Amino acid sequence: MTTLLFFGRLSDVAGCSRMACDLPQTVTTVAALRAWIAARDPILGQAIQAQGVRVAVNRSFCVSDMECTLGAEEIAFMSPLSGG
């Protein structure tokens, strides 16, 4: 079981700040995870694919093509922050 965490405006789009799910074994990269989420929820998928959204797997930042999601316990999506 993997816990997906959504921070900032992404939690509003997701309708929750966390969700538990079983990822398919074919989801082995951050890019594949984003595509899998988009297939299940197109609005959330669009939000997590927006420029500036960062992903951390087990508290380590990842890039889209890294093979890092298989067996992950926690995956966090963080929207960009603006200062002011």
PDB file of N, CA and C in Angstrom:
ATOM      1  N   MET A   1       0.849  -1.169   0.000  1.00  0.00           N
ATOM      2  CA  MET A   1       0.000   0.000   0.000  1.00  0.00           C
ATOM      3  C   MET A   1       0.899   1.237   0.000  1.00  0.00           C
ATOM      4  N   THR A   2       0.577   2.188  -0.848  1.00  0.00           N
ATOM      5  CA  THR A   2       1.325   3.437  -0.960  1.00  0.00           C
ATOM      6  C   THR A   2       0.422   4.582  -0.545  1.00  0.00           C
ATOM      7  N   THR A   3       0.956   5.512   0.221  1.00  0.00           N
ATOM      8  CA  THR A   3       0.218   6.706   0.604  1.00  0.00           C
ATOM      9  C   THR A   3       0.615   7.837  -0.321  1.00  0.00           C
ATOM     10  N   LEU A   4      -0.371   8.428  -1.001  1.00  0.00           N
ATOM     11  CA  LEU A   4      -0.143   9.605  -1.826  1.00  0.00           C
ATOM     12  C   LEU A   4      -0.511  10.826  -1.000  1.00  0.00           C
ATOM     13  N   LEU A   5       0.391  11.798  -0.958  1.00  0.00           N
ATOM     14  CA  LEU A   5       0.166  13.029  -0.211  1.00  0.00           C
ATOM     15  C   LEU A   5       0.064  14.193  -1.189  1.00  0.00           C
ATOM     16  N   PHE A   6      -0.872  15.102  -0.924  1.00  0.00           N
ATOM     17  CA  PHE A   6      -1.069  16.264  -1.780  1.00  0.00           C
ATOM     18  C   PHE A   6      -0.969  17.521  -0.929  1.00  0.00           C
ATOM     19  N   PHE A   7      -0.085  18.433  -1.325  1.00  0.00           N
ATOM     20  CA  PHE A   7       0.135  19.650  -0.562  1.00  0.00           C
ATOM     21  C   PHE A   7      -0.302  20.879  -1.359  1.00  0.00           C
ATOM     22  N   GLY A   8      -0.610  21.941  -0.625  1.00  0.00           N
ATOM     23  CA  GLY A   8      -1.007  23.193  -1.262  1.00  0.00           C
ATOM     24  C   GLY A   8      -2.316  23.044  -1.996  1.00  0.00           C
ATOM     25  N   ARG A   9      -2.404  23.703  -3.135  1.00  0.00           N
ATOM     26  CA  ARG A   9      -3.653  23.672  -3.910  1.00  0.00           C
ATOM     27  C   ARG A   9      -3.978  22.281  -4.433  1.00  0.00           C
ATOM     28  N   LEU A  10      -2.978  21.411  -4.486  1.00  0.00           N
ATOM     29  CA  LEU A  10      -3.226  20.056  -4.974  1.00  0.00           C
ATOM     30  C   LEU A  10      -4.165  19.286  -4.055  1.00  0.00           C
ATOM     31  N   SER A  11      -4.134  19.581  -2.769  1.00  0.00           N
ATOM     32  CA  SER A  11      -5.067  18.911  -1.858  1.00  0.00           C
ATOM     33  C   SER A  11      -6.494  19.363  -2.132  1.00  0.00           C
ATOM     34  N   ASP A  12      -6.666  20.607  -2.550  1.00  0.00           N
ATOM     35  CA  ASP A  12      -8.002  21.079  -2.926  1.00  0.00           C
ATOM     36  C   ASP A  12      -8.497  20.363  -4.172  1.00  0.00           C
ATOM     37  N   VAL A  13      -7.624  20.215  -5.154  1.00  0.00           N
ATOM     38  CA  VAL A  13      -7.999  19.536  -6.399  1.00  0.00           C
ATOM     39  C   VAL A  13      -8.303  18.062  -6.137  1.00  0.00           C
ATOM     40  N   ALA A  14      -7.480  17.428  -5.303  1.00  0.00           N
ATOM     41  CA  ALA A  14      -7.672  16.003  -4.997  1.00  0.00           C
ATOM     42  C   ALA A  14      -8.872  15.765  -4.093  1.00  0.00           C
ATOM     43  N   GLY A  15      -9.256  16.800  -3.328  1.00  0.00           N
ATOM     44  CA  GLY A  15     -10.362  16.647  -2.386  1.00  0.00           C
ATOM     45  C   GLY A  15      -9.922  16.002  -1.086  1.00  0.00           C
ATOM     46  N   CYS A  16      -8.603  15.851  -0.915  1.00  0.00           N
ATOM     47  CA  CYS A  16      -8.049  15.261   0.302  1.00  0.00           C
ATOM     48  C   CYS A  16      -6.557  15.582   0.337  1.00  0.00           C
ATOM     49  N   SER A  17      -5.963  15.419   1.498  1.00  0.00           N
ATOM     50  CA  SER A  17      -4.524  15.657   1.589  1.00  0.00           C
ATOM     51  C   SER A  17      -3.734  14.359   1.493  1.00  0.00           C
ATOM     52  N   ARG A  18      -4.420  13.235   1.628  1.00  0.00           N
ATOM     53  CA  ARG A  18      -3.746  11.932   1.511  1.00  0.00           C
ATOM     54  C   ARG A  18      -4.736  10.886   1.039  1.00  0.00           C
ATOM     55  N   MET A  19      -4.198   9.904   0.334  1.00  0.00           N
ATOM     56  CA  MET A  19      -4.997   8.738  -0.050  1.00  0.00           C
ATOM     57  C   MET A  19      -4.087   7.527  -0.123  1.00  0.00           C
ATOM     58  N   ALA A  20      -4.620   6.404   0.258  1.00  0.00           N
ATOM     59  CA  ALA A  20      -3.883   5.149   0.205  1.00  0.00           C
ATOM     60  C   ALA A  20      -4.334   4.375  -1.023  1.00  0.00           C
ATOM     61  N   CYS A  21      -3.384   3.792  -1.726  1.00  0.00           N
ATOM     62  CA  CYS A  21      -3.742   3.005  -2.908  1.00  0.00           C
ATOM     63  C   CYS A  21      -2.679   1.951  -3.170  1.00  0.00           C
ATOM     64  N   ASP A  22      -3.065   0.960  -3.929  1.00  0.00           N
ATOM     65  CA  ASP A  22      -2.139  -0.056  -4.400  1.00  0.00           C
ATOM     66  C   ASP A  22      -1.770   0.318  -5.826  1.00  0.00           C
ATOM     67  N   LEU A  23      -0.518   0.647  -6.051  1.00  0.00           N
ATOM     68  CA  LEU A  23      -0.074   1.010  -7.391  1.00  0.00           C
ATOM     69  C   LEU A  23       0.157  -0.246  -8.220  1.00  0.00           C
ATOM     70  N   PRO A  24      -0.242  -0.205  -9.494  1.00  0.00           N
ATOM     71  CA  PRO A  24       0.050  -1.347 -10.364  1.00  0.00           C
ATOM     72  C   PRO A  24       1.562  -1.526 -10.506  1.00  0.00           C
ATOM     73  N   GLN A  25       2.013  -2.733 -10.745  1.00  0.00           N
ATOM     74  CA  GLN A  25       3.442  -2.991 -10.893  1.00  0.00           C
ATOM     75  C   GLN A  25       4.031  -2.308 -12.114  1.00  0.00           C
ATOM     76  N   THR A  26       3.180  -1.889 -13.043  1.00  0.00           N
ATOM     77  CA  THR A  26       3.655  -1.193 -14.242  1.00  0.00           C
ATOM     78  C   THR A  26       4.010   0.262 -13.956  1.00  0.00           C
ATOM     79  N   VAL A  27       3.599   0.778 -12.826  1.00  0.00           N
ATOM     80  CA  VAL A  27       3.905   2.159 -12.454  1.00  0.00           C
ATOM     81  C   VAL A  27       5.237   2.157 -11.710  1.00  0.00           C
ATOM     82  N   THR A  28       6.312   2.377 -12.470  1.00  0.00           N
ATOM     83  CA  THR A  28       7.650   2.311 -11.885  1.00  0.00           C
ATOM     84  C   THR A  28       8.382   3.647 -11.905  1.00  0.00           C
ATOM     85  N   THR A  29       7.829   4.645 -12.596  1.00  0.00           N
ATOM     86  CA  THR A  29       8.459   5.966 -12.665  1.00  0.00           C
ATOM     87  C   THR A  29       7.451   7.022 -12.236  1.00  0.00           C
ATOM     88  N   VAL A  30       7.957   8.201 -11.934  1.00  0.00           N
ATOM     89  CA  VAL A  30       7.075   9.311 -11.582  1.00  0.00           C
ATOM     90  C   VAL A  30       6.182   9.664 -12.767  1.00  0.00           C
ATOM     91  N   ALA A  31       6.723   9.636 -13.979  1.00  0.00           N
ATOM     92  CA  ALA A  31       5.920   9.927 -15.166  1.00  0.00           C
ATOM     93  C   ALA A  31       4.778   8.926 -15.317  1.00  0.00           C
ATOM     94  N   ALA A  32       5.063   7.653 -15.101  1.00  0.00           N
ATOM     95  CA  ALA A  32       4.023   6.622 -15.189  1.00  0.00           C
ATOM     96  C   ALA A  32       2.982   6.813 -14.096  1.00  0.00           C
ATOM     97  N   LEU A  33       3.422   7.223 -12.918  1.00  0.00           N
ATOM     98  CA  LEU A  33       2.479   7.483 -11.828  1.00  0.00           C
ATOM     99  C   LEU A  33       1.559   8.639 -12.181  1.00  0.00           C
ATOM    100  N   ARG A  34       2.123   9.706 -12.703  1.00  0.00           N
ATOM    101  CA  ARG A  34       1.290  10.855 -13.110  1.00  0.00           C
ATOM    102  C   ARG A  34       0.275  10.431 -14.175  1.00  0.00           C
ATOM    103  N   ALA A  35       0.690   9.621 -15.136  1.00  0.00           N
ATOM    104  CA  ALA A  35      -0.223   9.153 -16.177  1.00  0.00           C
ATOM    105  C   ALA A  35      -1.311   8.264 -15.596  1.00  0.00           C
ATOM    106  N   TRP A  36      -0.958   7.414 -14.651  1.00  0.00           N
ATOM    107  CA  TRP A  36      -1.931   6.521 -14.015  1.00  0.00           C
ATOM    108  C   TRP A  36      -2.972   7.332 -13.241  1.00  0.00           C
ATOM    109  N   ILE A  37      -2.515   8.339 -12.516  1.00  0.00           N
ATOM    110  CA  ILE A  37      -3.455   9.198 -11.780  1.00  0.00           C
ATOM    111  C   ILE A  37      -4.341   9.959 -12.752  1.00  0.00           C
ATOM    112  N   ALA A  38      -3.765  10.467 -13.838  1.00  0.00           N
ATOM    113  CA  ALA A  38      -4.544  11.221 -14.830  1.00  0.00           C
ATOM    114  C   ALA A  38      -5.623  10.362 -15.478  1.00  0.00           C
ATOM    115  N   ALA A  39      -5.335   9.081 -15.683  1.00  0.00           N
ATOM    116  CA  ALA A  39      -6.338   8.184 -16.262  1.00  0.00           C
ATOM    117  C   ALA A  39      -7.499   7.966 -15.301  1.00  0.00           C
ATOM    118  N   ARG A  40      -7.221   7.987 -14.006  1.00  0.00           N
ATOM    119  CA  ARG A  40      -8.260   7.797 -12.992  1.00  0.00           C
ATOM    120  C   ARG A  40      -9.011   9.086 -12.689  1.00  0.00           C
ATOM    121  N   ASP A  41      -8.307  10.223 -12.729  1.00  0.00           N
ATOM    122  CA  ASP A  41      -8.899  11.517 -12.388  1.00  0.00           C
ATOM    123  C   ASP A  41      -8.238  12.585 -13.261  1.00  0.00           C
ATOM    124  N   PRO A  42      -8.840  12.890 -14.418  1.00  0.00           N
ATOM    125  CA  PRO A  42      -8.219  13.828 -15.362  1.00  0.00           C
ATOM    126  C   PRO A  42      -7.937  15.217 -14.776  1.00  0.00           C
ATOM    127  N   ILE A  43      -8.786  15.704 -13.899  1.00  0.00           N
ATOM    128  CA  ILE A  43      -8.563  17.034 -13.326  1.00  0.00           C
ATOM    129  C   ILE A  43      -7.347  17.017 -12.400  1.00  0.00           C
ATOM    130  N   LEU A  44      -7.264  16.028 -11.537  1.00  0.00           N
ATOM    131  CA  LEU A  44      -6.104  15.891 -10.668  1.00  0.00           C
ATOM    132  C   LEU A  44      -4.858  15.609 -11.501  1.00  0.00           C
ATOM    133  N   GLY A  45      -5.001  14.782 -12.511  1.00  0.00           N
ATOM    134  CA  GLY A  45      -3.875  14.474 -13.386  1.00  0.00           C
ATOM    135  C   GLY A  45      -3.304  15.716 -14.033  1.00  0.00           C
ATOM    136  N   GLN A  46      -4.166  16.602 -14.480  1.00  0.00           N
ATOM    137  CA  GLN A  46      -3.712  17.850 -15.085  1.00  0.00           C
ATOM    138  C   GLN A  46      -2.989  18.709 -14.041  1.00  0.00           C
ATOM    139  N   ALA A  47      -3.521  18.747 -12.832  1.00  0.00           N
ATOM    140  CA  ALA A  47      -2.924  19.567 -11.776  1.00  0.00           C
ATOM    141  C   ALA A  47      -1.537  19.062 -11.389  1.00  0.00           C
ATOM    142  N   ILE A  48      -1.353  17.747 -11.275  1.00  0.00           N
ATOM    143  CA  ILE A  48      -0.053  17.230 -10.843  1.00  0.00           C
ATOM    144  C   ILE A  48       0.978  17.233 -11.971  1.00  0.00           C
ATOM    145  N   GLN A  49       0.516  17.431 -13.211  1.00  0.00           N
ATOM    146  CA  GLN A  49       1.438  17.514 -14.331  1.00  0.00           C
ATOM    147  C   GLN A  49       1.810  18.957 -14.663  1.00  0.00           C
ATOM    148  N   ALA A  50       1.262  19.910 -13.914  1.00  0.00           N
ATOM    149  CA  ALA A  50       1.547  21.319 -14.157  1.00  0.00           C
ATOM    150  C   ALA A  50       3.011  21.627 -13.871  1.00  0.00           C
ATOM    151  N   GLN A  51       3.503  22.633 -14.560  1.00  0.00           N
ATOM    152  CA  GLN A  51       4.890  23.050 -14.370  1.00  0.00           C
ATOM    153  C   GLN A  51       5.124  23.459 -12.919  1.00  0.00           C
ATOM    154  N   GLY A  52       6.225  23.032 -12.376  1.00  0.00           N
ATOM    155  CA  GLY A  52       6.600  23.411 -11.019  1.00  0.00           C
ATOM    156  C   GLY A  52       6.172  22.449  -9.937  1.00  0.00           C
ATOM    157  N   VAL A  53       5.286  21.494 -10.250  1.00  0.00           N
ATOM    158  CA  VAL A  53       4.871  20.514  -9.243  1.00  0.00           C
ATOM    159  C   VAL A  53       6.026  19.547  -9.021  1.00  0.00           C
ATOM    160  N   ARG A  54       6.442  19.425  -7.777  1.00  0.00           N
ATOM    161  CA  ARG A  54       7.553  18.538  -7.422  1.00  0.00           C
ATOM    162  C   ARG A  54       7.018  17.274  -6.776  1.00  0.00           C
ATOM    163  N   VAL A  55       7.785  16.209  -6.922  1.00  0.00           N
ATOM    164  CA  VAL A  55       7.386  14.910  -6.384  1.00  0.00           C
ATOM    165  C   VAL A  55       8.514  14.382  -5.497  1.00  0.00           C
ATOM    166  N   ALA A  56       8.133  13.916  -4.312  1.00  0.00           N
ATOM    167  CA  ALA A  56       9.087  13.280  -3.410  1.00  0.00           C
ATOM    168  C   ALA A  56       8.608  11.859  -3.135  1.00  0.00           C
ATOM    169  N   VAL A  57       9.502  10.905  -3.300  1.00  0.00           N
ATOM    170  CA  VAL A  57       9.202   9.501  -3.028  1.00  0.00           C
ATOM    171  C   VAL A  57      10.003   9.106  -1.794  1.00  0.00           C
ATOM    172  N   ASN A  58       9.265   8.669  -0.785  1.00  0.00           N
ATOM    173  CA  ASN A  58       9.894   8.332   0.498  1.00  0.00           C
ATOM    174  C   ASN A  58      10.806   9.470   0.975  1.00  0.00           C
ATOM    175  N   ARG A  59      10.292  10.694   0.831  1.00  0.00           N
ATOM    176  CA  ARG A  59      10.930  11.930   1.304  1.00  0.00           C
ATOM    177  C   ARG A  59      12.185  12.331   0.549  1.00  0.00           C
ATOM    178  N   SER A  60      12.361  11.811  -0.663  1.00  0.00           N
ATOM    179  CA  SER A  60      13.465  12.217  -1.534  1.00  0.00           C
ATOM    180  C   SER A  60      12.886  12.702  -2.851  1.00  0.00           C
ATOM    181  N   PHE A  61      13.302  13.880  -3.303  1.00  0.00           N
ATOM    182  CA  PHE A  61      12.778  14.422  -4.550  1.00  0.00           C
ATOM    183  C   PHE A  61      13.193  13.562  -5.732  1.00  0.00           C
ATOM    184  N   CYS A  62      12.278  13.432  -6.691  1.00  0.00           N
ATOM    185  CA  CYS A  62      12.496  12.625  -7.881  1.00  0.00           C
ATOM    186  C   CYS A  62      12.166  13.431  -9.125  1.00  0.00           C
ATOM    187  N   VAL A  63      12.722  13.012 -10.240  1.00  0.00           N
ATOM    188  CA  VAL A  63      12.355  13.573 -11.536  1.00  0.00           C
ATOM    189  C   VAL A  63      11.516  12.537 -12.271  1.00  0.00           C
ATOM    190  N   SER A  64      10.843  12.994 -13.321  1.00  0.00           N
ATOM    191  CA  SER A  64       9.821  12.177 -13.986  1.00  0.00           C
ATOM    192  C   SER A  64      10.281  10.822 -14.481  1.00  0.00           C
ATOM    193  N   ASP A  65      11.496  10.733 -15.006  1.00  0.00           N
ATOM    194  CA  ASP A  65      11.899   9.471 -15.614  1.00  0.00           C
ATOM    195  C   ASP A  65      12.647   8.549 -14.654  1.00  0.00           C
ATOM    196  N   MET A  66      12.751   8.938 -13.390  1.00  0.00           N
ATOM    197  CA  MET A  66      13.428   8.073 -12.421  1.00  0.00           C
ATOM    198  C   MET A  66      12.569   6.870 -12.077  1.00  0.00           C
ATOM    199  N   GLU A  67      13.186   5.722 -12.006  1.00  0.00           N
ATOM    200  CA  GLU A  67      12.489   4.524 -11.556  1.00  0.00           C
ATOM    201  C   GLU A  67      12.527   4.522 -10.040  1.00  0.00           C
ATOM    202  N   CYS A  68      11.474   5.044  -9.443  1.00  0.00           N
ATOM    203  CA  CYS A  68      11.535   5.215  -7.993  1.00  0.00           C
ATOM    204  C   CYS A  68      10.211   4.956  -7.289  1.00  0.00           C
ATOM    205  N   THR A  69       9.169   4.607  -8.001  1.00  0.00           N
ATOM    206  CA  THR A  69       7.883   4.451  -7.337  1.00  0.00           C
ATOM    207  C   THR A  69       7.589   3.027  -6.890  1.00  0.00           C
ATOM    208  N   LEU A  70       8.227   2.042  -7.493  1.00  0.00           N
ATOM    209  CA  LEU A  70       7.946   0.651  -7.158  1.00  0.00           C
ATOM    210  C   LEU A  70       8.328   0.375  -5.704  1.00  0.00           C
ATOM    211  N   GLY A  71       7.378  -0.036  -4.928  1.00  0.00           N
ATOM    212  CA  GLY A  71       7.605  -0.330  -3.524  1.00  0.00           C
ATOM    213  C   GLY A  71       7.630   0.887  -2.621  1.00  0.00           C
ATOM    214  N   ALA A  72       7.286   2.046  -3.157  1.00  0.00           N
ATOM    215  CA  ALA A  72       7.302   3.266  -2.350  1.00  0.00           C
ATOM    216  C   ALA A  72       6.217   3.220  -1.283  1.00  0.00           C
ATOM    217  N   GLU A  73       6.552   3.688  -0.104  1.00  0.00           N
ATOM    218  CA  GLU A  73       5.576   3.774   0.977  1.00  0.00           C
ATOM    219  C   GLU A  73       4.826   5.096   0.944  1.00  0.00           C
ATOM    220  N   GLU A  74       5.515   6.165   0.509  1.00  0.00           N
ATOM    221  CA  GLU A  74       4.904   7.497   0.528  1.00  0.00           C
ATOM    222  C   GLU A  74       5.380   8.279  -0.694  1.00  0.00           C
ATOM    223  N   ILE A  75       4.419   8.880  -1.403  1.00  0.00           N
ATOM    224  CA  ILE A  75       4.735   9.732  -2.547  1.00  0.00           C
ATOM    225  C   ILE A  75       3.985  11.048  -2.352  1.00  0.00           C
ATOM    226  N   ALA A  76       4.741  12.143  -2.339  1.00  0.00           N
ATOM    227  CA  ALA A  76       4.150  13.459  -2.084  1.00  0.00           C
ATOM    228  C   ALA A  76       4.222  14.318  -3.337  1.00  0.00           C
ATOM    229  N   PHE A  77       3.116  15.001  -3.604  1.00  0.00           N
ATOM    230  CA  PHE A  77       3.046  15.964  -4.703  1.00  0.00           C
ATOM    231  C   PHE A  77       2.947  17.348  -4.073  1.00  0.00           C
ATOM    232  N   MET A  78       3.869  18.247  -4.475  1.00  0.00           N
ATOM    233  CA  MET A  78       3.911  19.584  -3.875  1.00  0.00           C
ATOM    234  C   MET A  78       3.783  20.635  -4.962  1.00  0.00           C
ATOM    235  N   SER A  79       2.780  21.484  -4.802  1.00  0.00           N
ATOM    236  CA  SER A  79       2.593  22.552  -5.766  1.00  0.00           C
ATOM    237  C   SER A  79       3.623  23.642  -5.519  1.00  0.00           C
ATOM    238  N   PRO A  80       3.933  24.400  -6.573  1.00  0.00           N
ATOM    239  CA  PRO A  80       4.911  25.477  -6.388  1.00  0.00           C
ATOM    240  C   PRO A  80       4.365  26.530  -5.399  1.00  0.00           C
ATOM    241  N   LEU A  81       5.269  27.132  -4.670  1.00  0.00           N
ATOM    242  CA  LEU A  81       4.896  28.161  -3.714  1.00  0.00           C
ATOM    243  C   LEU A  81       5.262  29.520  -4.274  1.00  0.00           C
ATOM    244  N   SER A  82       4.449  30.495  -3.961  1.00  0.00           N
ATOM    245  CA  SER A  82       4.794  31.855  -4.355  1.00  0.00           C
ATOM    246  C   SER A  82       4.988  32.691  -3.118  1.00  0.00           C
ATOM    247  N   GLY A  83       6.008  33.480  -3.119  1.00  0.00           N
ATOM    248  CA  GLY A  83       6.286  34.330  -1.971  1.00  0.00           C
ATOM    249  C   GLY A  83       5.692  35.709  -2.160  1.00  0.00           C
ATOM    250  N   GLY A  84       5.722  36.474  -1.106  1.00  0.00           N
ATOM    251  CA  GLY A  84       5.170  37.813  -1.304  1.00  0.00           C
ATOM    252  C   GLY A  84       5.343  38.690  -0.114  1.00  0.00           C
TER     253      GLY A  84
END
